[in-house]
Amino acid sequence: MNRLLHAYFPLRTLCLVGSEILLILLAFAAAAIVQIGASDATRVFIYDQGIVKLGIITVSLIACMYYFDLYENAVLNDRRELLARMAQAIGTVSLILAFLYTFLPPLRFGNDISLMGLLAGGAALIGARGLFLLINNSSRFHEKTLVLGNGPLAHLLRVQIQQRPELGMRIVDACAAERDEGGTEASAMIPDRLIDLHHLVESQRIRRIILATNDRRGKLPLELLLQLKKCGIRIDDGADLYEGITGKVPLEIRTLSSLLFSRAFRPSKLLLIYKRTFSIIGAFFGLLICAPLMALVAIAIRLDSPGPVIFRQKRVGKDSRTFVLYKFRSMYIGLDQDQGQRPAAEGDTRFTRVGRLLRRARIDELPQLYNILRGEMYFVGPRPFLGAHEDALAAKIPFYGQRWAVRPGATGWAQVNRGYCATIDDNTEKLAYDLFYIKNMSIGLDLFILFKTIKILLLGRGSR
């Protein structure tokens, strides 16, 4: 895994994006040379704003591929689904370019360069995806990996690595610790089992070792592992690697001390200044731009059903302090006390006609811009819940109270990865995402979450 702006991405996916950008640029350059010759093509790209035009096309293509999930795990490894979504992405880009060229003719390449470049680029992208699938599905191109441990963390890692070939890892052996009668790993057993570790690494050509034992005190041959690291073998901490792969903290094996000595709960002052400044500016201009829409929504709510336009409810914020959250009312009066308490379901009779549309488009969340402007929320952070709801979950889920170490947000890492939660298990997994965000809070991760939020809003996913 590689960190880009504090967000985690598989190296192969990053290489895929980079190669696709290069292929698009080369396809349009080749199309221009074929159509008008090398000298005129140089003039077009350098002096006729060709770089800007090509940049618009490239960004549109990559964005559409992202929004059609062409970088998601399931699609990356499914040839049929890949071709179908690639066709959708290229078709959508064609419509976008047709619209732009109709209303903004200066953005258009002449001499059918756009058409030829799009066709050549599409063919090149499909070819690149075919090569990527070949590499992903071939064990020859996977890094041989040894997982040390047989506890919950080791199991979680093996499952993730086996399910995600784009990670570029292949488990060749698992040198597991013995368990004593009480079910814990016996400290005296690991060194005996690892006497031949050096031979195993050499014979199997292992390039990466993952330490996934629950308790390492006196159990691991640290000097041998250090020698292997000096020889070029990559040594990974299992818990950190799992967080990087999944984007969530493994609550099954994390302890309070592991969170205490991590970077969590210590955001830099510069980061907090950025988040507050961005929140004030974004909320102010957001309210300004959305004012006409919010006025129309208010009128529609009043005409559709009796009752107030704005729904107010106390939620839990930073350091467990309560504040009043504002939303457009989406339920009938008398039933709106359930709003935010009982999860919504398909065909829920509590919603008004307008309210159902507002929730589907997430427009009912717009008044939260006022909460953000007041400093009660950020744009990005853990979602705020009701106090009673929070108390019930905190009593059943370990570490739950730690999610309020930061201000809540209108969107968050848990929201873009998990969505609505109705059970204890769902909320436990959501907490794992929230704690990952708190540990890795950064400008880059915030921007990535906002980008994913826009994708969810445009595609209408997760709304109820």
Protein backbone atom coordinates (compact mmCIF):
# COMPACT_ATOMS: atom_id res chain seq x y z
CA MET A 1 0.00 0.00 0.00
CA ASN A 2 1.09 3.55 -0.69
CA ARG A 3 -0.02 6.75 0.97
CA LEU A 4 -1.05 9.59 -1.30
CA LEU A 5 -2.04 12.73 0.66
CA HIS A 6 -2.56 10.46 3.72
CA ALA A 7 -5.08 8.31 1.83
CA TYR A 8 -4.11 4.70 1.07
CA PHE A 9 -4.04 3.23 -2.44
CA PRO A 10 -2.60 0.00 -3.88
CA LEU A 11 0.55 0.75 -5.91
CA ARG A 12 -0.89 -1.13 -8.88
CA THR A 13 -3.99 1.06 -8.94
CA LEU A 14 -1.86 4.22 -8.84
CA CYS A 15 0.28 2.87 -11.70
CA LEU A 16 -2.90 2.03 -13.63
CA VAL A 17 -4.23 5.58 -13.28
CA GLY A 18 -0.88 7.06 -14.31
CA SER A 19 -0.56 4.79 -17.34
CA GLU A 20 -4.12 5.58 -18.44
CA ILE A 21 -3.47 9.32 -18.26
CA LEU A 22 -0.34 8.80 -20.38
CA LEU A 23 -2.24 6.66 -22.91
CA ILE A 24 -4.96 9.31 -23.31
CA LEU A 25 -2.35 12.00 -23.95
CA LEU A 26 -0.50 9.81 -26.46
CA ALA A 27 -3.74 8.83 -28.23
CA PHE A 28 -4.73 12.46 -28.84
CA ALA A 29 -1.19 13.41 -29.82
CA ALA A 30 -1.16 10.57 -32.36
CA ALA A 31 -4.61 11.58 -33.64
CA ALA A 32 -3.42 15.15 -34.17
CA ILE A 33 -0.27 14.01 -36.00
CA VAL A 34 -2.29 11.72 -38.30
CA GLN A 35 -4.87 14.42 -39.05
CA ILE A 36 -2.74 17.54 -39.50
CA GLY A 37 0.91 16.48 -39.39
CA ALA A 38 3.59 16.74 -36.72
CA SER A 39 4.44 20.44 -37.18
CA ASP A 40 0.82 21.61 -37.13
CA ALA A 41 0.07 19.30 -34.19
CA THR A 42 2.88 20.95 -32.23
CA ARG A 43 1.43 24.36 -33.02
CA VAL A 44 -2.06 23.29 -31.92
CA PHE A 45 -0.89 21.92 -28.57
CA ILE A 46 1.52 24.74 -27.76
CA TYR A 47 -0.04 27.88 -29.22
CA ASP A 48 -3.76 27.11 -29.67
CA GLN A 49 -4.51 26.10 -26.05
CA GLY A 50 -4.35 22.46 -27.07
CA ILE A 51 -2.91 21.52 -23.68
CA VAL A 52 -5.96 23.02 -21.94
CA LYS A 53 -8.34 21.22 -24.31
CA LEU A 54 -6.50 17.95 -23.83
CA GLY A 55 -6.49 18.46 -20.06
CA ILE A 56 -10.29 18.83 -20.06
CA ILE A 57 -10.68 15.60 -22.04
CA THR A 58 -8.22 13.70 -19.84
CA VAL A 59 -9.80 14.85 -16.57
CA SER A 60 -13.29 14.06 -17.93
CA LEU A 61 -12.25 10.54 -18.94
CA ILE A 62 -10.50 9.68 -15.67
CA ALA A 63 -13.36 11.21 -13.62
CA CYS A 64 -16.00 9.23 -15.54
CA MET A 65 -14.00 6.04 -15.13
CA TYR A 66 -13.83 6.71 -11.41
CA TYR A 67 -17.53 7.46 -11.15
CA PHE A 68 -18.36 4.25 -13.01
CA ASP A 69 -16.33 2.32 -10.40
CA LEU A 70 -13.60 1.32 -12.85
CA TYR A 71 -11.04 1.56 -10.04
CA GLU A 72 -13.06 -0.49 -7.54
CA ASN A 73 -11.84 -3.95 -6.53
CA ALA A 74 -14.81 -5.92 -7.86
CA VAL A 75 -14.71 -4.25 -11.29
CA LEU A 76 -10.91 -4.32 -11.62
CA ASN A 77 -10.94 -8.12 -11.69
CA ASP A 78 -14.13 -8.81 -13.70
CA ARG A 79 -13.54 -8.70 -17.48
CA ARG A 80 -17.21 -8.57 -18.50
CA GLU A 81 -18.17 -5.90 -15.98
CA LEU A 82 -15.04 -3.98 -16.92
CA LEU A 83 -15.96 -3.79 -20.62
CA ALA A 84 -19.54 -2.75 -19.87
CA ARG A 85 -18.52 0.06 -17.53
CA MET A 86 -15.72 1.20 -19.81
CA ALA A 87 -18.27 1.60 -22.61
CA GLN A 88 -20.51 3.58 -20.25
CA ALA A 89 -17.64 5.85 -19.22
CA ILE A 90 -16.52 6.55 -22.79
CA GLY A 91 -20.13 7.15 -23.86
CA THR A 92 -20.65 9.60 -21.00
CA VAL A 93 -17.46 11.48 -21.90
CA SER A 94 -18.66 11.69 -25.51
CA LEU A 95 -21.90 13.32 -24.35
CA ILE A 96 -20.01 15.73 -22.07
CA LEU A 97 -17.68 16.76 -24.89
CA ALA A 98 -20.59 17.15 -27.33
CA PHE A 99 -22.28 19.49 -24.84
CA LEU A 100 -19.09 21.50 -24.26
CA TYR A 101 -18.29 21.78 -27.97
CA THR A 102 -21.84 22.94 -28.74
CA PHE A 103 -21.88 25.76 -26.20
CA LEU A 104 -18.12 26.45 -26.01
CA PRO A 105 -16.76 25.97 -29.57
CA PRO A 106 -13.25 27.30 -28.72
CA LEU A 107 -12.67 24.17 -26.61
CA ARG A 108 -13.01 21.94 -29.65
CA PHE A 109 -10.12 20.39 -31.55
CA GLY A 110 -10.46 20.82 -35.31
CA ASN A 111 -10.16 18.25 -38.10
CA ASP A 112 -11.95 15.49 -36.15
CA ILE A 113 -9.00 15.18 -33.76
CA SER A 114 -11.38 14.77 -30.82
CA LEU A 115 -13.28 11.89 -32.42
CA MET A 116 -10.18 10.03 -33.56
CA GLY A 117 -8.42 10.68 -30.25
CA LEU A 118 -11.39 9.42 -28.25
CA LEU A 119 -11.62 6.24 -30.32
CA ALA A 120 -7.88 5.62 -30.12
CA GLY A 121 -7.83 6.47 -26.42
CA GLY A 122 -10.75 4.15 -25.71
CA ALA A 123 -9.04 1.28 -27.53
CA ALA A 124 -5.78 1.97 -25.66
CA LEU A 125 -7.57 2.06 -22.30
CA ILE A 126 -9.30 -1.26 -22.98
CA GLY A 127 -5.94 -2.76 -23.97
CA ALA A 128 -4.32 -1.41 -20.81
CA ARG A 129 -7.09 -2.90 -18.69
CA GLY A 130 -6.59 -6.26 -20.39
CA LEU A 131 -2.89 -6.14 -19.56
CA PHE A 132 -3.71 -5.12 -15.98
CA LEU A 133 -6.06 -8.10 -15.62
CA LEU A 134 -3.36 -10.41 -16.97
CA ILE A 135 -0.82 -9.11 -14.46
CA ASN A 136 -3.34 -9.16 -11.60
CA ASN A 137 -4.40 -12.74 -12.24
CA SER A 138 -0.90 -14.11 -12.74
CA SER A 139 0.90 -15.31 -9.62
CA ARG A 140 4.18 -14.58 -11.39
CA PHE A 141 3.66 -10.88 -10.81
CA HIS A 142 2.66 -11.17 -7.15
CA GLU A 143 5.04 -10.53 -4.25
CA LYS A 144 5.48 -13.69 -2.20
CA THR A 145 4.33 -12.90 1.33
CA LEU A 146 4.72 -14.70 4.65
CA VAL A 147 2.19 -14.01 7.43
CA LEU A 148 3.47 -14.77 10.94
CA GLY A 149 0.62 -15.52 13.35
CA ASN A 150 -2.60 -17.48 13.60
CA GLY A 151 -4.81 -15.11 15.59
CA PRO A 152 -7.70 -12.92 14.43
CA LEU A 153 -5.42 -10.36 12.78
CA ALA A 154 -3.57 -12.99 10.76
CA HIS A 155 -6.88 -14.42 9.58
CA LEU A 156 -8.22 -11.00 8.60
CA LEU A 157 -5.06 -10.24 6.63
CA ARG A 158 -5.10 -13.54 4.76
CA VAL A 159 -8.72 -13.01 3.74
CA GLN A 160 -8.03 -9.48 2.49
CA ILE A 161 -4.92 -10.47 0.54
CA GLN A 162 -6.65 -13.43 -1.10
CA GLN A 163 -9.68 -11.36 -2.08
CA ARG A 164 -7.72 -8.44 -3.52
CA PRO A 165 -5.19 -9.46 -6.19
CA GLU A 166 -4.53 -5.79 -7.05
CA LEU A 167 -2.56 -5.60 -3.79
CA GLY A 168 0.15 -7.60 -5.55
CA MET A 169 0.71 -10.07 -2.69
CA ARG A 170 0.50 -13.87 -2.61
CA ILE A 171 0.66 -15.86 0.62
CA VAL A 172 3.07 -18.75 0.15
CA ASP A 173 3.12 -20.04 3.72
CA ALA A 174 1.78 -19.15 7.15
CA CYS A 175 4.22 -19.85 9.97
CA ALA A 176 1.66 -19.80 12.77
CA ALA A 177 2.27 -19.77 16.47
CA GLU A 178 1.10 -22.66 18.57
CA ARG A 179 -1.73 -22.02 20.99
CA ASP A 180 -1.69 -23.02 24.60
CA GLU A 181 -4.61 -24.65 26.32
CA GLY A 182 -6.12 -21.31 27.24
CA GLY A 183 -6.36 -20.31 23.60
CA THR A 184 -3.53 -17.75 23.72
CA GLU A 185 -0.33 -17.94 21.70
CA ALA A 186 2.39 -19.81 23.58
CA SER A 187 5.44 -17.55 23.83
CA ALA A 188 7.91 -20.43 23.89
CA MET A 189 6.70 -21.92 20.64
CA ILE A 190 7.37 -19.20 18.06
CA PRO A 191 11.20 -19.19 18.22
CA ASP A 192 11.24 -23.00 17.83
CA ARG A 193 8.93 -22.79 14.84
CA LEU A 194 11.01 -19.98 13.28
CA ILE A 195 14.47 -21.58 13.51
CA ASP A 196 14.32 -22.25 9.76
CA LEU A 197 12.81 -18.88 8.89
CA HIS A 198 15.91 -17.76 6.98
CA HIS A 199 15.92 -20.99 4.97
CA LEU A 200 12.18 -20.64 4.31
CA VAL A 201 12.62 -17.09 3.02
CA GLU A 202 15.43 -18.14 0.68
CA SER A 203 13.83 -21.35 -0.60
CA GLN A 204 10.42 -19.77 -1.24
CA ARG A 205 11.88 -16.44 -2.44
CA ILE A 206 9.73 -14.53 0.01
CA ARG A 207 9.91 -10.75 -0.40
CA ARG A 208 7.59 -9.59 2.40
CA ILE A 209 6.95 -10.73 5.98
CA ILE A 210 3.88 -9.56 7.90
CA LEU A 211 4.00 -9.69 11.71
CA ALA A 212 0.45 -10.56 12.75
CA THR A 213 0.89 -12.09 16.20
CA ASN A 214 -1.30 -10.73 18.98
CA ASP A 215 1.49 -10.45 21.56
CA ARG A 216 5.12 -10.27 20.45
CA ARG A 217 6.97 -9.99 23.75
CA GLY A 218 9.77 -12.57 23.73
CA LYS A 219 8.20 -14.48 20.85
CA LEU A 220 9.81 -13.18 17.68
CA PRO A 221 13.45 -13.58 16.59
CA LEU A 222 13.99 -9.85 16.21
CA GLU A 223 17.67 -10.09 15.27
CA LEU A 224 16.89 -12.51 12.45
CA LEU A 225 14.04 -10.32 11.21
CA LEU A 226 16.34 -7.29 11.28
CA GLN A 227 18.94 -9.17 9.22
CA LEU A 228 16.27 -10.13 6.71
CA LYS A 229 15.17 -6.50 6.49
CA LYS A 230 18.77 -5.46 5.76
CA CYS A 231 18.80 -8.04 2.95
CA GLY A 232 15.84 -6.32 1.28
CA ILE A 233 12.94 -8.28 2.79
CA ARG A 234 10.05 -5.98 3.62
CA ILE A 235 8.82 -6.33 7.23
CA ASP A 236 5.30 -5.01 7.89
CA ASP A 237 3.33 -4.51 11.07
CA GLY A 238 0.15 -6.50 10.57
CA ALA A 239 -2.25 -4.05 12.24
CA ASP A 240 -0.89 -1.06 10.31
CA LEU A 241 -0.99 -2.98 7.03
CA TYR A 242 -4.57 -4.08 7.68
CA GLU A 243 -5.57 -0.47 8.30
CA GLY A 244 -3.91 0.57 5.05
CA ILE A 245 -5.64 -2.18 3.06
CA THR A 246 -9.14 -1.72 4.48
CA GLY A 247 -9.23 1.90 5.63
CA LYS A 248 -10.44 0.90 9.09
CA VAL A 249 -8.95 0.12 12.50
CA PRO A 250 -9.10 -3.61 13.40
CA LEU A 251 -11.05 -3.34 16.65
CA GLU A 252 -10.76 -7.10 17.12
CA ILE A 253 -7.07 -6.78 18.01
CA ARG A 254 -6.46 -3.11 18.81
CA THR A 255 -6.07 -2.16 22.47
CA LEU A 256 -6.50 1.20 24.16
CA SER A 257 -2.71 1.45 24.59
CA SER A 258 -2.17 0.98 20.85
CA LEU A 259 -4.43 3.95 20.21
CA LEU A 260 -2.85 5.92 23.05
CA PHE A 261 0.64 5.71 21.52
CA SER A 262 -0.50 6.26 17.94
CA ARG A 263 -0.84 9.57 16.12
CA ALA A 264 -4.55 9.58 16.88
CA PHE A 265 -6.19 12.39 18.87
CA ARG A 266 -3.23 14.72 18.22
CA PRO A 267 -4.12 16.69 15.07
CA SER A 268 -1.73 19.51 14.31
CA LYS A 269 -2.77 23.09 14.95
CA LEU A 270 -2.17 23.86 11.27
CA LEU A 271 -4.60 21.12 10.25
CA LEU A 272 -7.28 22.39 12.66
CA ILE A 273 -6.81 25.95 11.35
CA TYR A 274 -7.22 24.66 7.79
CA LYS A 275 -10.36 22.68 8.63
CA ARG A 276 -11.96 25.63 10.42
CA THR A 277 -11.01 28.11 7.69
CA PHE A 278 -12.23 25.79 4.94
CA SER A 279 -15.45 25.19 6.88
CA ILE A 280 -16.19 28.90 7.32
CA ILE A 281 -15.45 29.81 3.70
CA GLY A 282 -17.17 26.73 2.28
CA ALA A 283 -20.28 27.09 4.45
CA PHE A 284 -20.60 30.83 3.75
CA PHE A 285 -20.42 30.47 -0.02
CA GLY A 286 -22.46 27.27 0.13
CA LEU A 287 -25.30 29.08 1.88
CA LEU A 288 -24.98 31.96 -0.58
CA ILE A 289 -25.10 29.73 -3.67
CA CYS A 290 -27.79 27.39 -2.32
CA ALA A 291 -30.05 30.17 -0.97
CA PRO A 292 -32.42 30.16 -4.01
CA LEU A 293 -32.69 26.35 -3.91
CA MET A 294 -33.26 26.36 -0.15
CA ALA A 295 -36.02 28.96 -0.55
CA LEU A 296 -37.77 26.76 -3.14
CA VAL A 297 -37.40 23.73 -0.88
CA ALA A 298 -38.92 25.65 2.04
CA ILE A 299 -41.94 26.61 -0.09
CA ALA A 300 -42.36 23.02 -1.29
CA ILE A 301 -42.27 21.67 2.28
CA ARG A 302 -44.91 24.15 3.46
CA LEU A 303 -47.19 23.37 0.50
CA ASP A 304 -46.77 19.61 0.86
CA SER A 305 -47.60 19.16 4.55
CA PRO A 306 -48.31 21.28 7.64
CA GLY A 307 -45.52 21.91 10.09
CA PRO A 308 -42.19 23.73 10.36
CA VAL A 309 -39.76 23.82 7.45
CA ILE A 310 -36.67 23.17 9.57
CA PHE A 311 -36.24 20.08 11.72
CA ARG A 312 -34.16 20.62 14.88
CA GLN A 313 -32.64 17.85 16.94
CA LYS A 314 -29.96 17.63 19.64
CA ARG A 315 -26.90 15.65 18.59
CA VAL A 316 -23.62 14.74 20.27
CA GLY A 317 -20.54 16.67 19.12
CA LYS A 318 -16.89 17.04 20.09
CA ASP A 319 -16.05 15.97 23.64
CA SER A 320 -19.62 14.63 23.97
CA ARG A 321 -21.10 18.15 24.03
CA THR A 322 -24.59 18.41 22.56
CA PHE A 323 -25.65 20.89 19.89
CA VAL A 324 -28.76 21.50 17.78
CA LEU A 325 -28.57 19.97 14.29
CA TYR A 326 -30.61 21.59 11.50
CA LYS A 327 -32.18 19.75 8.57
CA PHE A 328 -35.12 20.26 6.26
CA ARG A 329 -38.13 18.42 7.66
CA SER A 330 -38.76 15.29 5.61
CA MET A 331 -41.39 13.55 7.80
CA TYR A 332 -44.98 14.26 8.72
CA ILE A 333 -45.46 16.33 11.86
CA GLY A 334 -45.82 14.04 14.88
CA LEU A 335 -43.70 11.37 13.22
CA ASP A 336 -40.65 13.60 12.79
CA GLN A 337 -39.46 12.78 16.31
CA ASP A 338 -38.27 9.52 14.74
CA GLN A 339 -36.17 11.48 12.27
CA GLY A 340 -32.56 10.56 12.99
CA GLN A 341 -33.56 7.87 15.53
CA ARG A 342 -35.06 4.95 13.61
CA PRO A 343 -33.25 3.97 10.39
CA ALA A 344 -35.18 4.75 7.22
CA ALA A 345 -36.39 1.89 5.05
CA GLU A 346 -37.73 1.49 1.53
CA GLY A 347 -41.34 2.67 1.37
CA ASP A 348 -41.16 4.25 4.84
CA THR A 349 -44.58 5.85 5.48
CA ARG A 350 -43.16 8.50 7.81
CA PHE A 351 -41.84 10.55 4.89
CA THR A 352 -43.78 13.23 3.07
CA ARG A 353 -43.77 13.27 -0.73
CA VAL A 354 -41.35 16.18 -0.81
CA GLY A 355 -39.33 14.73 2.06
CA ARG A 356 -38.76 11.49 0.18
CA LEU A 357 -37.33 13.44 -2.76
CA LEU A 358 -35.21 15.59 -0.47
CA ARG A 359 -33.65 12.58 1.22
CA ARG A 360 -33.01 10.80 -2.06
CA ALA A 361 -31.08 13.84 -3.32
CA ARG A 362 -29.61 14.57 0.16
CA ILE A 363 -30.98 18.11 -0.09
CA ASP A 364 -32.46 17.79 3.40
CA GLU A 365 -28.87 18.10 4.71
CA LEU A 366 -28.30 21.62 3.33
CA PRO A 367 -29.25 23.48 6.57
CA GLN A 368 -26.25 21.80 8.20
CA LEU A 369 -24.18 24.44 6.43
CA TYR A 370 -25.36 26.71 9.24
CA ASN A 371 -24.00 24.23 11.82
CA ILE A 372 -20.69 24.23 9.97
CA LEU A 373 -20.60 28.03 9.84
CA ARG A 374 -21.22 28.18 13.61
CA GLY A 375 -18.26 25.88 14.26
CA GLU A 376 -20.32 22.98 15.62
CA MET A 377 -19.37 20.76 12.69
CA TYR A 378 -16.78 20.39 9.95
CA PHE A 379 -17.50 19.40 6.38
CA VAL A 380 -15.68 16.11 7.08
CA GLY A 381 -15.76 14.14 10.32
CA PRO A 382 -17.72 11.40 12.16
CA ARG A 383 -21.47 11.83 11.75
CA PRO A 384 -23.27 13.15 14.88
CA PHE A 385 -25.96 10.98 16.47
CA LEU A 386 -28.54 11.35 19.23
CA GLY A 387 -27.33 11.25 22.83
CA ALA A 388 -29.46 8.23 23.78
CA HIS A 389 -28.33 6.41 20.64
CA GLU A 390 -24.69 7.20 21.46
CA ASP A 391 -24.99 6.04 25.09
CA ALA A 392 -26.50 2.72 24.02
CA LEU A 393 -23.74 2.08 21.48
CA ALA A 394 -20.97 3.20 23.86
CA ALA A 395 -22.17 0.62 26.40
CA LYS A 396 -21.86 -2.21 23.86
CA ILE A 397 -18.98 -1.24 21.54
CA PRO A 398 -15.38 -0.82 22.83
CA PHE A 399 -13.69 2.53 22.06
CA TYR A 400 -16.99 4.03 20.88
CA GLY A 401 -16.56 7.23 22.90
CA GLN A 402 -13.26 7.94 21.12
CA ARG A 403 -15.05 8.98 17.94
CA TRP A 404 -15.83 12.35 19.56
CA ALA A 405 -12.19 13.33 19.87
CA VAL A 406 -12.85 15.56 16.84
CA ARG A 407 -15.76 17.67 15.66
CA PRO A 408 -18.47 15.79 13.76
CA GLY A 409 -18.93 16.31 10.03
CA ALA A 410 -21.59 16.54 7.34
CA THR A 411 -19.86 13.63 5.60
CA GLY A 412 -17.18 11.24 6.77
CA TRP A 413 -14.93 8.29 6.03
CA ALA A 414 -17.46 5.88 7.54
CA GLN A 415 -20.31 7.36 5.48
CA VAL A 416 -18.59 6.99 2.11
CA ASN A 417 -17.45 3.44 2.92
CA ARG A 418 -20.29 1.98 5.01
CA GLY A 419 -23.48 4.01 4.65
CA TYR A 420 -26.49 3.44 6.90
CA CYS A 421 -26.18 1.15 9.93
CA ALA A 422 -28.98 -0.66 11.73
CA THR A 423 -27.26 -3.29 13.91
CA ILE A 424 -24.51 -3.38 16.54
CA ASP A 425 -22.20 -5.14 14.08
CA ASP A 426 -22.84 -2.44 11.47
CA ASN A 427 -22.08 0.32 13.97
CA THR A 428 -18.95 -1.50 15.14
CA GLU A 429 -17.64 -1.56 11.59
CA LYS A 430 -18.60 2.08 11.17
CA LEU A 431 -16.61 2.93 14.30
CA ALA A 432 -13.61 1.15 12.80
CA TYR A 433 -13.78 3.56 9.84
CA ASP A 434 -14.26 6.58 12.12
CA LEU A 435 -11.20 5.69 14.21
CA PHE A 436 -9.15 5.26 11.04
CA TYR A 437 -10.16 8.79 10.02
CA ILE A 438 -9.25 10.21 13.43
CA LYS A 439 -5.85 8.48 13.32
CA ASN A 440 -5.09 9.66 9.78
CA MET A 441 -6.94 12.99 9.63
CA SER A 442 -5.33 15.19 6.97
CA ILE A 443 -6.09 17.65 4.19
CA GLY A 444 -5.59 14.95 1.56
CA LEU A 445 -7.94 12.49 3.25
CA ASP A 446 -10.60 15.21 3.66
CA LEU A 447 -10.41 16.05 -0.05
CA PHE A 448 -10.61 12.36 -0.96
CA ILE A 449 -13.72 11.94 1.22
CA LEU A 450 -15.36 15.00 -0.35
CA PHE A 451 -14.58 13.60 -3.81
CA LYS A 452 -16.16 10.25 -2.91
CA THR A 453 -19.15 12.07 -1.39
CA ILE A 454 -19.76 13.90 -4.68
CA LYS A 455 -19.66 10.54 -6.46
CA ILE A 456 -22.26 9.09 -4.08
CA LEU A 457 -24.50 12.15 -4.48
CA LEU A 458 -24.31 12.11 -8.28
CA LEU A 459 -25.06 8.39 -8.48
CA GLY A 460 -27.76 8.54 -5.78
CA ARG A 461 -26.23 5.74 -3.73
CA GLY A 462 -27.03 5.04 -0.11
CA SER A 463 -30.08 7.33 0.12
CA ARG A 464 -33.25 6.10 1.80
